[in-house]
């Protein structure tokens, strides 16, 4: 057998295994690509605002937060949040906000409407703010410019209380029953529709 024939035979023998090995090299990439697609599908398939909370149906973590210094409403200083605030016999809408949070500005007009609603004026529902990792002056300017819907504002400078409430980010809004049980959690900015629905649920809970 000549050298050329030996080289041709070797080339013929090496051809199929090389093609087989190339497919084997692609297999892990295809596998991980399929996993990535599955992950993305599961991540975006649901409504992010309805992410379940382990706290729903359980007593709300206690809040003992100082007032936002210098914040005034109707000529009176707005109080902070005391531990008994969420067990005072009223239904509470607790909103986590910050002046540096752009989506908070989007939802704020709906909170202002909520704060002036009949259920709030009648004393059956209260709207409480949790100011998250904010500068006091910036928070006061935020509420001064956009309106203050809150009957009480607790300052959570370190974010520790928010962690205890399982807050993922701002804004988030909780519905708390008269006995201090968390009834609902909304993640992300409220819309006109979700704010209206939340207020209706709060009024219904107050009537029970």
N, C-alpha and C. Protein backbone atom coordinates (compact mmCIF):
# COMPACT_ATOMS: atom_id res chain seq x y z
N UNK A 1 0.85 -1.19 0.00
CA UNK A 1 0.00 0.00 0.00
C UNK A 1 0.88 1.23 0.00
N UNK A 2 0.56 2.16 -0.90
CA UNK A 2 1.38 3.37 -1.00
C UNK A 2 1.07 4.30 0.17
N UNK A 3 1.90 5.30 0.35
CA UNK A 3 1.71 6.28 1.44
C UNK A 3 0.43 7.08 1.23
N UNK A 4 0.14 7.37 -0.08
CA UNK A 4 -1.08 8.14 -0.37
C UNK A 4 -2.32 7.35 0.00
N UNK A 5 -2.30 6.02 -0.30
CA UNK A 5 -3.43 5.18 0.03
C UNK A 5 -3.62 5.08 1.54
N UNK A 6 -2.49 4.98 2.27
CA UNK A 6 -2.57 4.91 3.73
C UNK A 6 -3.16 6.19 4.30
N UNK A 7 -2.76 7.32 3.74
CA UNK A 7 -3.29 8.60 4.23
C UNK A 7 -4.78 8.72 3.95
N UNK A 8 -5.20 8.26 2.74
CA UNK A 8 -6.62 8.31 2.39
C UNK A 8 -7.44 7.44 3.30
N UNK A 9 -6.91 6.22 3.61
CA UNK A 9 -7.63 5.31 4.50
C UNK A 9 -7.74 5.88 5.90
N UNK A 10 -6.65 6.51 6.34
CA UNK A 10 -6.68 7.11 7.67
C UNK A 10 -7.70 8.24 7.73
N UNK A 11 -7.74 9.03 6.63
CA UNK A 11 -8.70 10.13 6.60
C UNK A 11 -10.13 9.62 6.62
N UNK A 12 -10.38 8.55 5.84
CA UNK A 12 -11.72 7.96 5.82
C UNK A 12 -12.09 7.40 7.18
N UNK A 13 -11.12 6.85 7.87
CA UNK A 13 -11.41 6.26 9.18
C UNK A 13 -11.66 7.30 10.24
N UNK A 14 -11.02 8.47 10.07
CA UNK A 14 -11.16 9.50 11.10
C UNK A 14 -12.40 10.36 10.91
N UNK A 15 -13.00 10.32 9.71
CA UNK A 15 -14.11 11.21 9.40
C UNK A 15 -15.30 11.07 10.33
N UNK A 16 -15.95 9.89 10.38
CA UNK A 16 -17.15 9.74 11.19
C UNK A 16 -16.94 10.00 12.67
N UNK A 17 -15.85 9.49 13.30
CA UNK A 17 -15.67 9.77 14.73
C UNK A 17 -15.60 11.26 15.03
N UNK A 18 -14.93 12.02 14.07
CA UNK A 18 -14.84 13.46 14.31
C UNK A 18 -16.22 14.10 14.32
N UNK A 19 -17.08 13.67 13.37
CA UNK A 19 -18.43 14.21 13.35
C UNK A 19 -19.20 13.82 14.61
N UNK A 20 -19.00 12.61 15.08
CA UNK A 20 -19.65 12.16 16.30
C UNK A 20 -19.19 12.96 17.51
N UNK A 21 -17.88 13.21 17.56
CA UNK A 21 -17.36 13.98 18.69
C UNK A 21 -17.88 15.41 18.68
N UNK A 22 -18.06 15.98 17.47
CA UNK A 22 -18.57 17.36 17.40
C UNK A 22 -19.98 17.45 17.98
N UNK A 23 -20.82 16.44 17.71
CA UNK A 23 -22.16 16.42 18.28
C UNK A 23 -22.12 16.26 19.79
N UNK A 24 -21.17 15.46 20.27
CA UNK A 24 -21.03 15.30 21.72
C UNK A 24 -20.62 16.60 22.38
N UNK A 25 -19.80 17.37 21.69
CA UNK A 25 -19.39 18.67 22.25
C UNK A 25 -20.56 19.64 22.31
N UNK A 26 -21.50 19.54 21.35
CA UNK A 26 -22.64 20.44 21.32
C UNK A 26 -23.73 20.06 22.33
N UNK A 27 -23.76 18.81 22.72
CA UNK A 27 -24.83 18.32 23.60
C UNK A 27 -24.95 19.12 24.90
N UNK A 28 -23.84 19.37 25.63
CA UNK A 28 -23.99 20.16 26.87
C UNK A 28 -24.53 21.57 26.62
N UNK A 29 -24.09 22.19 25.50
CA UNK A 29 -24.58 23.54 25.19
C UNK A 29 -26.07 23.53 24.92
N UNK A 30 -26.53 22.53 24.17
CA UNK A 30 -27.96 22.42 23.90
C UNK A 30 -28.76 22.19 25.18
N UNK A 31 -28.20 21.38 26.07
CA UNK A 31 -28.86 21.07 27.33
C UNK A 31 -29.02 22.33 28.19
N UNK A 32 -27.94 23.09 28.30
CA UNK A 32 -27.99 24.31 29.12
C UNK A 32 -28.87 25.38 28.47
N UNK A 33 -28.89 25.42 27.13
CA UNK A 33 -29.77 26.36 26.46
C UNK A 33 -31.23 26.04 26.75
N UNK A 34 -31.56 24.74 26.74
CA UNK A 34 -32.93 24.33 27.04
C UNK A 34 -33.30 24.70 28.48
N UNK A 35 -32.37 24.51 29.42
CA UNK A 35 -32.62 24.87 30.82
C UNK A 35 -32.84 26.37 30.96
N UNK A 36 -32.04 27.16 30.23
CA UNK A 36 -32.17 28.62 30.31
C UNK A 36 -33.52 29.08 29.79
N UNK A 37 -33.99 28.47 28.69
CA UNK A 37 -35.29 28.82 28.15
C UNK A 37 -36.41 28.47 29.12
N UNK A 38 -36.29 27.30 29.76
CA UNK A 38 -37.28 26.89 30.73
C UNK A 38 -37.32 27.84 31.91
N UNK A 39 -36.14 28.26 32.38
CA UNK A 39 -36.05 29.19 33.50
C UNK A 39 -36.70 30.52 33.16
N UNK A 40 -36.40 31.05 31.96
CA UNK A 40 -36.98 32.33 31.56
C UNK A 40 -38.49 32.24 31.42
N UNK A 41 -38.97 31.12 30.90
CA UNK A 41 -40.41 30.94 30.76
C UNK A 41 -41.09 30.95 32.12
N UNK A 42 -40.51 30.21 33.08
CA UNK A 42 -41.10 30.16 34.42
C UNK A 42 -41.01 31.50 35.12
N UNK A 43 -39.95 32.25 34.83
CA UNK A 43 -39.73 33.53 35.50
C UNK A 43 -40.75 34.57 35.07
N UNK A 44 -41.08 34.59 33.78
CA UNK A 44 -41.94 35.65 33.26
C UNK A 44 -43.36 35.19 32.94
N UNK A 45 -43.64 33.93 33.22
CA UNK A 45 -44.97 33.42 32.87
C UNK A 45 -46.06 33.99 33.77
N UNK A 46 -45.76 34.22 35.05
CA UNK A 46 -46.79 34.67 35.99
C UNK A 46 -46.81 36.17 36.18
N UNK A 47 -47.73 36.60 37.01
CA UNK A 47 -47.85 38.01 37.37
C UNK A 47 -46.94 38.28 38.55
N UNK A 48 -45.92 39.13 38.34
CA UNK A 48 -44.94 39.38 39.40
C UNK A 48 -45.57 40.00 40.63
N UNK A 49 -46.67 40.73 40.44
CA UNK A 49 -47.32 41.39 41.58
C UNK A 49 -47.99 40.37 42.50
N UNK A 50 -48.14 39.13 42.04
CA UNK A 50 -48.83 38.12 42.83
C UNK A 50 -47.88 37.06 43.39
N UNK A 51 -46.61 37.42 43.51
CA UNK A 51 -45.66 36.49 44.12
C UNK A 51 -46.13 36.19 45.53
N UNK A 52 -46.30 34.91 45.88
CA UNK A 52 -46.85 34.59 47.19
C UNK A 52 -45.89 34.98 48.32
N UNK A 53 -46.45 35.31 49.46
CA UNK A 53 -45.66 35.64 50.64
C UNK A 53 -45.95 34.64 51.73
N UNK A 54 -44.90 34.20 52.40
CA UNK A 54 -45.06 33.25 53.50
C UNK A 54 -45.79 33.88 54.68
N UNK A 55 -45.91 35.22 54.68
CA UNK A 55 -46.54 35.91 55.81
C UNK A 55 -48.05 36.03 55.67
N UNK A 56 -48.58 35.77 54.49
CA UNK A 56 -50.02 35.92 54.31
C UNK A 56 -50.76 34.91 55.18
N UNK A 57 -51.75 35.43 55.94
CA UNK A 57 -52.48 34.59 56.88
C UNK A 57 -51.83 34.51 58.25
N UNK A 58 -50.71 35.20 58.41
CA UNK A 58 -50.00 35.18 59.70
C UNK A 58 -49.98 36.58 60.31
N UNK A 59 -49.73 36.65 61.62
CA UNK A 59 -49.64 37.98 62.26
C UNK A 59 -48.51 38.80 61.64
N UNK A 60 -48.78 40.07 61.42
CA UNK A 60 -47.78 40.96 60.84
C UNK A 60 -46.62 41.15 61.82
N UNK A 61 -45.40 41.15 61.32
CA UNK A 61 -44.26 41.47 62.20
C UNK A 61 -44.46 42.84 62.84
N UNK A 62 -44.05 42.97 64.07
CA UNK A 62 -44.23 44.24 64.78
C UNK A 62 -43.40 45.33 64.14
N UNK A 63 -43.98 46.52 64.12
CA UNK A 63 -43.29 47.68 63.60
C UNK A 63 -43.16 48.72 64.71
N UNK A 64 -41.95 49.11 64.98
CA UNK A 64 -41.71 50.20 65.93
C UNK A 64 -40.73 51.15 65.25
N UNK A 65 -41.29 52.07 64.47
CA UNK A 65 -40.46 52.94 63.63
C UNK A 65 -40.70 54.40 63.98
N UNK A 66 -39.64 55.18 64.03
CA UNK A 66 -39.80 56.60 64.36
C UNK A 66 -40.50 57.37 63.26
N UNK A 67 -41.04 58.51 63.63
CA UNK A 67 -41.74 59.36 62.66
C UNK A 67 -40.73 60.02 61.72
N UNK A 68 -41.22 60.44 60.57
CA UNK A 68 -40.41 61.22 59.65
C UNK A 68 -40.37 62.65 60.16
N UNK A 69 -39.24 63.03 60.68
CA UNK A 69 -39.11 64.31 61.37
C UNK A 69 -39.48 65.47 60.45
N UNK A 70 -40.34 66.35 60.98
CA UNK A 70 -40.73 67.54 60.23
C UNK A 70 -41.91 67.34 59.30
N UNK A 71 -42.44 66.11 59.23
CA UNK A 71 -43.58 65.86 58.35
C UNK A 71 -44.87 66.27 59.05
N UNK A 72 -45.65 67.11 58.40
CA UNK A 72 -46.88 67.66 58.97
C UNK A 72 -48.03 67.40 58.01
N UNK A 73 -49.19 67.08 58.59
CA UNK A 73 -50.40 66.90 57.79
C UNK A 73 -51.55 67.56 58.52
N UNK A 74 -52.27 68.40 57.82
CA UNK A 74 -53.41 69.14 58.41
C UNK A 74 -52.98 69.90 59.66
N UNK A 75 -51.76 70.44 59.62
CA UNK A 75 -51.26 71.25 60.72
C UNK A 75 -50.76 70.46 61.92
N UNK A 76 -50.71 69.13 61.80
CA UNK A 76 -50.26 68.30 62.93
C UNK A 76 -49.13 67.39 62.48
N UNK A 77 -48.22 67.11 63.39
CA UNK A 77 -47.10 66.23 63.09
C UNK A 77 -47.61 64.82 62.80
N UNK A 78 -47.12 64.23 61.74
CA UNK A 78 -47.51 62.86 61.37
C UNK A 78 -46.73 61.89 62.25
N UNK A 79 -47.42 60.99 62.96
CA UNK A 79 -46.71 60.08 63.87
C UNK A 79 -45.96 58.98 63.14
N UNK A 80 -45.06 58.35 63.88
CA UNK A 80 -44.40 57.14 63.38
C UNK A 80 -45.33 55.95 63.56
N UNK A 81 -44.75 54.77 63.47
CA UNK A 81 -45.55 53.55 63.57
C UNK A 81 -45.19 52.83 64.86
N UNK A 82 -46.19 52.69 65.74
CA UNK A 82 -46.01 51.99 67.01
C UNK A 82 -46.37 50.52 66.84
N UNK A 83 -45.87 49.63 67.72
CA UNK A 83 -46.16 48.20 67.60
C UNK A 83 -47.65 47.88 67.55
N UNK A 84 -48.47 48.67 68.27
CA UNK A 84 -49.91 48.38 68.31
C UNK A 84 -50.67 49.00 67.14
N UNK A 85 -49.97 49.71 66.26
CA UNK A 85 -50.62 50.44 65.17
C UNK A 85 -51.43 49.52 64.26
N UNK A 86 -50.90 48.31 64.04
CA UNK A 86 -51.55 47.38 63.11
C UNK A 86 -52.56 46.47 63.79
N UNK A 87 -52.79 46.69 65.06
CA UNK A 87 -53.78 45.89 65.81
C UNK A 87 -54.75 46.81 66.54
N UNK A 88 -55.01 47.95 65.94
CA UNK A 88 -55.83 48.97 66.60
C UNK A 88 -57.30 48.85 66.21
N UNK A 89 -57.68 47.75 65.59
CA UNK A 89 -59.08 47.57 65.20
C UNK A 89 -59.42 48.14 63.85
N UNK A 90 -58.42 48.70 63.14
CA UNK A 90 -58.63 49.21 61.80
C UNK A 90 -57.95 48.29 60.79
N UNK A 91 -58.46 48.28 59.58
CA UNK A 91 -57.77 47.60 58.49
C UNK A 91 -56.68 48.55 57.99
N UNK A 92 -55.50 48.02 57.75
CA UNK A 92 -54.36 48.86 57.39
C UNK A 92 -53.87 48.52 55.98
N UNK A 93 -53.66 49.57 55.21
CA UNK A 93 -52.95 49.44 53.94
C UNK A 93 -51.56 50.00 54.18
N UNK A 94 -50.57 49.12 54.20
CA UNK A 94 -49.19 49.52 54.48
C UNK A 94 -48.42 49.58 53.16
N UNK A 95 -47.92 50.77 52.86
CA UNK A 95 -47.21 50.98 51.60
C UNK A 95 -45.73 51.26 51.88
N UNK A 96 -44.87 50.49 51.22
CA UNK A 96 -43.42 50.66 51.34
C UNK A 96 -42.97 51.56 50.19
N UNK A 97 -42.36 52.70 50.52
CA UNK A 97 -42.01 53.68 49.48
C UNK A 97 -40.68 54.33 49.78
N UNK A 98 -40.14 55.02 48.77
CA UNK A 98 -38.92 55.80 48.93
C UNK A 98 -38.92 56.91 47.90
N UNK A 99 -38.28 58.02 48.23
CA UNK A 99 -38.26 59.16 47.31
C UNK A 99 -37.44 58.86 46.06
N UNK A 100 -36.44 57.96 46.20
CA UNK A 100 -35.57 57.64 45.07
C UNK A 100 -36.16 56.57 44.14
N UNK A 101 -37.35 56.09 44.47
CA UNK A 101 -37.99 55.00 43.73
C UNK A 101 -38.91 55.58 42.66
N UNK A 102 -38.52 55.42 41.38
CA UNK A 102 -39.32 55.97 40.28
C UNK A 102 -40.73 55.35 40.22
N UNK A 103 -40.90 54.04 40.36
CA UNK A 103 -42.26 53.48 40.33
C UNK A 103 -43.14 53.99 41.47
N UNK A 104 -42.52 54.42 42.59
CA UNK A 104 -43.30 54.98 43.69
C UNK A 104 -44.01 56.25 43.25
N UNK A 105 -43.37 57.03 42.39
CA UNK A 105 -43.99 58.24 41.88
C UNK A 105 -45.16 57.91 40.97
N UNK A 106 -45.05 56.80 40.25
CA UNK A 106 -46.12 56.40 39.35
C UNK A 106 -47.39 56.03 40.12
N UNK A 107 -47.22 55.30 41.21
CA UNK A 107 -48.38 54.82 41.96
C UNK A 107 -48.93 55.85 42.95
N UNK A 108 -48.15 56.88 43.26
CA UNK A 108 -48.51 57.77 44.37
C UNK A 108 -49.86 58.47 44.21
N UNK A 109 -50.24 58.92 43.01
CA UNK A 109 -51.57 59.54 42.90
C UNK A 109 -52.70 58.62 43.33
N UNK A 110 -52.54 57.33 43.11
CA UNK A 110 -53.59 56.38 43.51
C UNK A 110 -53.62 56.22 45.03
N UNK A 111 -52.46 56.33 45.66
CA UNK A 111 -52.41 56.28 47.12
C UNK A 111 -53.05 57.54 47.71
N UNK A 112 -52.84 58.67 47.06
CA UNK A 112 -53.44 59.92 47.53
C UNK A 112 -54.97 59.82 47.47
N UNK A 113 -55.48 59.25 46.38
CA UNK A 113 -56.92 59.02 46.28
C UNK A 113 -57.40 58.09 47.39
N UNK A 114 -56.61 57.07 47.64
CA UNK A 114 -56.94 56.11 48.69
C UNK A 114 -57.00 56.80 50.05
N UNK A 115 -56.02 57.68 50.30
CA UNK A 115 -55.96 58.38 51.58
C UNK A 115 -57.15 59.30 51.82
N UNK A 116 -57.79 59.75 50.73
CA UNK A 116 -58.96 60.61 50.88
C UNK A 116 -60.27 59.89 50.67
N UNK A 117 -60.24 58.56 50.64
CA UNK A 117 -61.44 57.78 50.38
C UNK A 117 -62.40 57.80 51.57
N UNK A 118 -63.64 57.43 51.30
CA UNK A 118 -64.66 57.41 52.35
C UNK A 118 -64.31 56.44 53.47
N UNK A 119 -63.75 55.28 53.11
CA UNK A 119 -63.39 54.29 54.12
C UNK A 119 -62.33 54.82 55.08
N UNK A 120 -61.39 55.60 54.56
CA UNK A 120 -60.35 56.19 55.41
C UNK A 120 -60.93 57.33 56.24
N UNK A 121 -61.75 58.18 55.63
CA UNK A 121 -62.35 59.30 56.37
C UNK A 121 -63.25 58.80 57.49
N UNK A 122 -63.89 57.64 57.27
CA UNK A 122 -64.78 57.07 58.30
C UNK A 122 -64.00 56.40 59.42
N UNK A 123 -62.69 56.28 59.27
CA UNK A 123 -61.87 55.69 60.33
C UNK A 123 -61.86 54.17 60.32
N UNK A 124 -62.36 53.56 59.25
CA UNK A 124 -62.39 52.10 59.19
C UNK A 124 -61.11 51.53 58.58
N UNK A 125 -60.48 52.31 57.72
CA UNK A 125 -59.25 51.89 57.04
C UNK A 125 -58.21 52.99 57.24
N UNK A 126 -56.98 52.59 57.46
CA UNK A 126 -55.90 53.56 57.57
C UNK A 126 -54.80 53.22 56.55
N UNK A 127 -54.17 54.27 56.02
CA UNK A 127 -53.06 54.11 55.08
C UNK A 127 -51.79 54.52 55.81
N UNK A 128 -50.86 53.58 55.89
CA UNK A 128 -49.61 53.79 56.63
C UNK A 128 -48.44 53.65 55.67
N UNK A 129 -47.45 54.53 55.82
CA UNK A 129 -46.27 54.47 54.97
C UNK A 129 -45.06 53.94 55.72
N UNK A 130 -44.28 53.14 55.02
CA UNK A 130 -42.98 52.69 55.54
C UNK A 130 -41.93 53.27 54.60
N UNK A 131 -41.21 54.27 55.09
CA UNK A 131 -40.21 54.95 54.28
C UNK A 131 -38.90 54.15 54.33
N UNK A 132 -38.51 53.62 53.17
CA UNK A 132 -37.45 52.62 53.09
C UNK A 132 -36.12 53.21 52.65
N UNK A 133 -35.11 53.11 53.52
CA UNK A 133 -33.73 53.50 53.20
C UNK A 133 -33.67 54.84 52.48
N UNK A 134 -34.24 55.83 53.10
CA UNK A 134 -34.37 57.14 52.47
C UNK A 134 -33.73 58.21 53.33
N UNK A 135 -33.45 59.34 52.70
CA UNK A 135 -33.00 60.51 53.44
C UNK A 135 -34.24 61.30 53.88
N UNK A 136 -34.34 61.68 55.15
CA UNK A 136 -35.54 62.36 55.65
C UNK A 136 -35.94 63.58 54.83
N UNK A 137 -34.97 64.40 54.46
CA UNK A 137 -35.28 65.61 53.70
C UNK A 137 -35.88 65.25 52.34
N UNK A 138 -35.31 64.23 51.70
CA UNK A 138 -35.83 63.82 50.39
C UNK A 138 -37.24 63.24 50.51
N UNK A 139 -37.47 62.48 51.58
CA UNK A 139 -38.81 61.90 51.79
C UNK A 139 -39.84 62.99 52.04
N UNK A 140 -39.48 64.01 52.80
CA UNK A 140 -40.40 65.14 53.06
C UNK A 140 -40.71 65.88 51.77
N UNK A 141 -39.69 66.09 50.95
CA UNK A 141 -39.91 66.78 49.67
C UNK A 141 -40.82 65.96 48.76
N UNK A 142 -40.60 64.66 48.76
CA UNK A 142 -41.42 63.74 47.94
C UNK A 142 -42.89 63.87 48.31
N UNK A 143 -43.19 63.80 49.61
CA UNK A 143 -44.57 63.88 50.07
C UNK A 143 -45.12 65.29 49.96
N UNK A 144 -44.25 66.28 50.12
CA UNK A 144 -44.69 67.67 49.98
C UNK A 144 -45.09 67.99 48.54
N UNK A 145 -44.36 67.41 47.58
CA UNK A 145 -44.64 67.70 46.18
C UNK A 145 -45.82 66.89 45.64
N UNK A 146 -45.94 65.63 46.08
CA UNK A 146 -46.94 64.73 45.51
C UNK A 146 -48.16 64.53 46.38
N UNK A 147 -48.08 64.98 47.64
CA UNK A 147 -49.20 64.78 48.56
C UNK A 147 -48.91 63.66 49.53
N UNK A 148 -49.48 63.77 50.73
CA UNK A 148 -49.25 62.76 51.76
C UNK A 148 -50.54 61.98 52.03
N UNK A 149 -50.58 60.74 51.58
CA UNK A 149 -51.79 59.94 51.81
C UNK A 149 -51.77 59.20 53.14
N UNK A 150 -50.65 59.29 53.87
CA UNK A 150 -50.44 58.44 55.04
C UNK A 150 -50.87 59.12 56.34
N UNK A 151 -51.58 58.35 57.16
CA UNK A 151 -51.91 58.83 58.50
C UNK A 151 -50.76 58.66 59.46
N UNK A 152 -49.82 57.78 59.11
CA UNK A 152 -48.61 57.55 59.89
C UNK A 152 -47.51 57.15 58.93
N UNK A 153 -46.29 57.57 59.24
CA UNK A 153 -45.13 57.21 58.41
C UNK A 153 -44.00 56.76 59.34
N UNK A 154 -43.57 55.52 59.15
CA UNK A 154 -42.45 55.01 59.93
C UNK A 154 -41.19 55.00 59.08
N UNK A 155 -40.10 55.44 59.66
CA UNK A 155 -38.83 55.55 58.93
C UNK A 155 -37.99 54.31 59.18
N UNK A 156 -37.69 53.59 58.11
CA UNK A 156 -36.87 52.37 58.17
C UNK A 156 -35.55 52.66 57.46
N UNK A 157 -34.66 53.37 58.15
CA UNK A 157 -33.41 53.82 57.52
C UNK A 157 -32.50 52.66 57.14
N UNK A 158 -32.47 51.61 57.93
CA UNK A 158 -31.58 50.48 57.67
C UNK A 158 -32.20 49.41 56.78
N UNK A 159 -33.52 49.41 56.66
CA UNK A 159 -34.20 48.38 55.89
C UNK A 159 -34.46 47.10 56.66
N UNK A 160 -34.16 47.10 57.96
CA UNK A 160 -34.32 45.87 58.75
C UNK A 160 -35.79 45.45 58.88
N UNK A 161 -36.66 46.42 59.13
CA UNK A 161 -38.08 46.09 59.26
C UNK A 161 -38.64 45.55 57.94
N UNK A 162 -38.19 46.14 56.84
CA UNK A 162 -38.64 45.66 55.54
C UNK A 162 -38.23 44.21 55.31
N UNK A 163 -37.04 43.86 55.76
CA UNK A 163 -36.58 42.47 55.63
C UNK A 163 -37.50 41.54 56.40
N UNK A 164 -37.89 41.96 57.62
CA UNK A 164 -38.78 41.13 58.43
C UNK A 164 -40.15 40.96 57.78
N UNK A 165 -40.52 41.91 56.96
CA UNK A 165 -41.80 41.83 56.24
C UNK A 165 -41.65 41.11 54.90
N UNK A 166 -40.45 40.67 54.58
CA UNK A 166 -40.23 39.96 53.33
C UNK A 166 -40.30 40.84 52.10
N UNK A 167 -39.92 42.10 52.25
CA UNK A 167 -39.97 43.04 51.14
C UNK A 167 -38.86 42.72 50.14
N UNK A 168 -39.24 42.58 48.86
CA UNK A 168 -38.27 42.34 47.79
C UNK A 168 -37.67 43.64 47.28
N UNK A 169 -38.46 44.68 47.28
CA UNK A 169 -38.03 45.98 46.77
C UNK A 169 -39.18 46.95 46.90
N UNK A 170 -38.98 48.16 46.43
CA UNK A 170 -40.03 49.16 46.53
C UNK A 170 -40.53 49.51 45.14
N UNK A 171 -41.82 49.83 45.03
CA UNK A 171 -42.82 49.82 46.11
C UNK A 171 -43.43 48.44 46.31
N UNK A 172 -43.92 48.22 47.51
CA UNK A 172 -44.74 47.06 47.84
C UNK A 172 -45.85 47.52 48.78
N UNK A 173 -46.98 46.84 48.72
CA UNK A 173 -48.13 47.24 49.53
C UNK A 173 -48.75 46.02 50.17
N UNK A 174 -49.06 46.14 51.46
CA UNK A 174 -49.66 45.05 52.23
C UNK A 174 -51.05 45.46 52.70
N UNK A 175 -51.92 44.48 52.76
CA UNK A 175 -53.24 44.66 53.37
C UNK A 175 -53.26 43.88 54.67
N UNK A 176 -53.51 44.57 55.77
CA UNK A 176 -53.46 43.97 57.10
C UNK A 176 -54.84 44.08 57.74
N UNK A 177 -55.35 42.96 58.24
CA UNK A 177 -56.67 42.93 58.86
C UNK A 177 -56.71 43.64 60.20
N UNK A 178 -57.91 43.76 60.75
CA UNK A 178 -58.08 44.48 62.02
C UNK A 178 -57.34 43.82 63.17
N UNK A 179 -57.14 42.51 63.06
CA UNK A 179 -56.43 41.79 64.13
C UNK A 179 -54.93 41.71 63.90
N UNK A 180 -54.43 42.40 62.86
CA UNK A 180 -53.00 42.40 62.59
C UNK A 180 -52.53 41.26 61.72
N UNK A 181 -53.46 40.55 61.08
CA UNK A 181 -53.09 39.46 60.18
C UNK A 181 -52.89 40.00 58.76
N UNK A 182 -51.81 39.58 58.12
CA UNK A 182 -51.55 40.00 56.74
C UNK A 182 -52.49 39.25 55.81
N UNK A 183 -53.28 40.01 55.06
CA UNK A 183 -54.28 39.42 54.18
C UNK A 183 -53.80 39.35 52.73
N UNK A 184 -52.95 40.29 52.33
CA UNK A 184 -52.55 40.35 50.93
C UNK A 184 -51.25 41.12 50.80
N UNK A 185 -50.51 40.81 49.72
CA UNK A 185 -49.29 41.53 49.40
C UNK A 185 -49.27 41.83 47.91
N UNK A 186 -48.98 43.08 47.58
CA UNK A 186 -48.87 43.48 46.17
C UNK A 186 -47.45 43.97 45.93
N UNK A 187 -46.79 43.37 44.95
CA UNK A 187 -45.42 43.74 44.61
C UNK A 187 -45.44 44.65 43.39
N UNK A 188 -44.70 45.74 43.48
CA UNK A 188 -44.64 46.68 42.36
C UNK A 188 -45.63 47.81 42.53
N UNK A 189 -45.63 48.75 41.59
CA UNK A 189 -46.50 49.93 41.72
C UNK A 189 -47.96 49.56 41.53
N UNK A 190 -48.80 50.21 42.31
CA UNK A 190 -50.24 50.07 42.16
C UNK A 190 -50.68 50.82 40.90
N UNK A 191 -51.66 50.27 40.23
CA UNK A 191 -52.32 50.96 39.12
C UNK A 191 -53.66 51.48 39.64
N UNK A 192 -54.36 52.21 38.80
CA UNK A 192 -55.69 52.69 39.21
C UNK A 192 -56.58 51.51 39.55
N UNK A 193 -56.49 50.45 38.77
CA UNK A 193 -57.35 49.28 38.99
C UNK A 193 -56.96 48.52 40.24
N UNK A 194 -55.66 48.25 40.40
CA UNK A 194 -55.25 47.47 41.58
C UNK A 194 -55.45 48.26 42.86
N UNK A 195 -55.28 49.58 42.80
CA UNK A 195 -55.53 50.40 43.99
C UNK A 195 -57.01 50.39 44.36
N UNK A 196 -57.86 50.46 43.35
CA UNK A 196 -59.30 50.41 43.59
C UNK A 196 -59.72 49.06 44.19
N UNK A 197 -59.15 47.99 43.64
CA UNK A 197 -59.47 46.65 44.14
C UNK A 197 -58.98 46.47 45.57
N UNK A 198 -57.78 46.98 45.85
CA UNK A 198 -57.21 46.86 47.19
C UNK A 198 -58.05 47.61 48.21
N UNK A 199 -58.48 48.80 47.86
CA UNK A 199 -59.31 49.59 48.75
C UNK A 199 -60.66 48.90 48.99
N UNK A 200 -61.22 48.30 47.95
CA UNK A 200 -62.48 47.57 48.10
C UNK A 200 -62.31 46.38 49.04
N UNK A 201 -61.19 45.67 48.91
CA UNK A 201 -60.91 44.54 49.81
C UNK A 201 -60.74 45.03 51.24
N UNK A 202 -60.08 46.18 51.40
CA UNK A 202 -59.88 46.74 52.74
C UNK A 202 -61.22 47.12 53.37
N UNK A 203 -62.09 47.74 52.59
CA UNK A 203 -63.40 48.14 53.10
C UNK A 203 -64.23 46.91 53.47
N UNK A 204 -64.14 45.86 52.64
CA UNK A 204 -64.87 44.63 52.93
C UNK A 204 -64.35 43.98 54.20
N UNK A 205 -63.04 43.99 54.39
CA UNK A 205 -62.45 43.40 55.60
C UNK A 205 -62.84 44.21 56.83
N UNK A 206 -62.96 45.52 56.68
CA UNK A 206 -63.36 46.36 57.81
C UNK A 206 -64.80 46.13 58.20
N UNK A 207 -65.63 45.73 57.24
CA UNK A 207 -67.05 45.52 57.49
C UNK A 207 -67.35 44.17 58.13
N UNK A 208 -66.36 43.27 58.09
CA UNK A 208 -66.61 41.94 58.65
C UNK A 208 -66.54 41.95 60.17
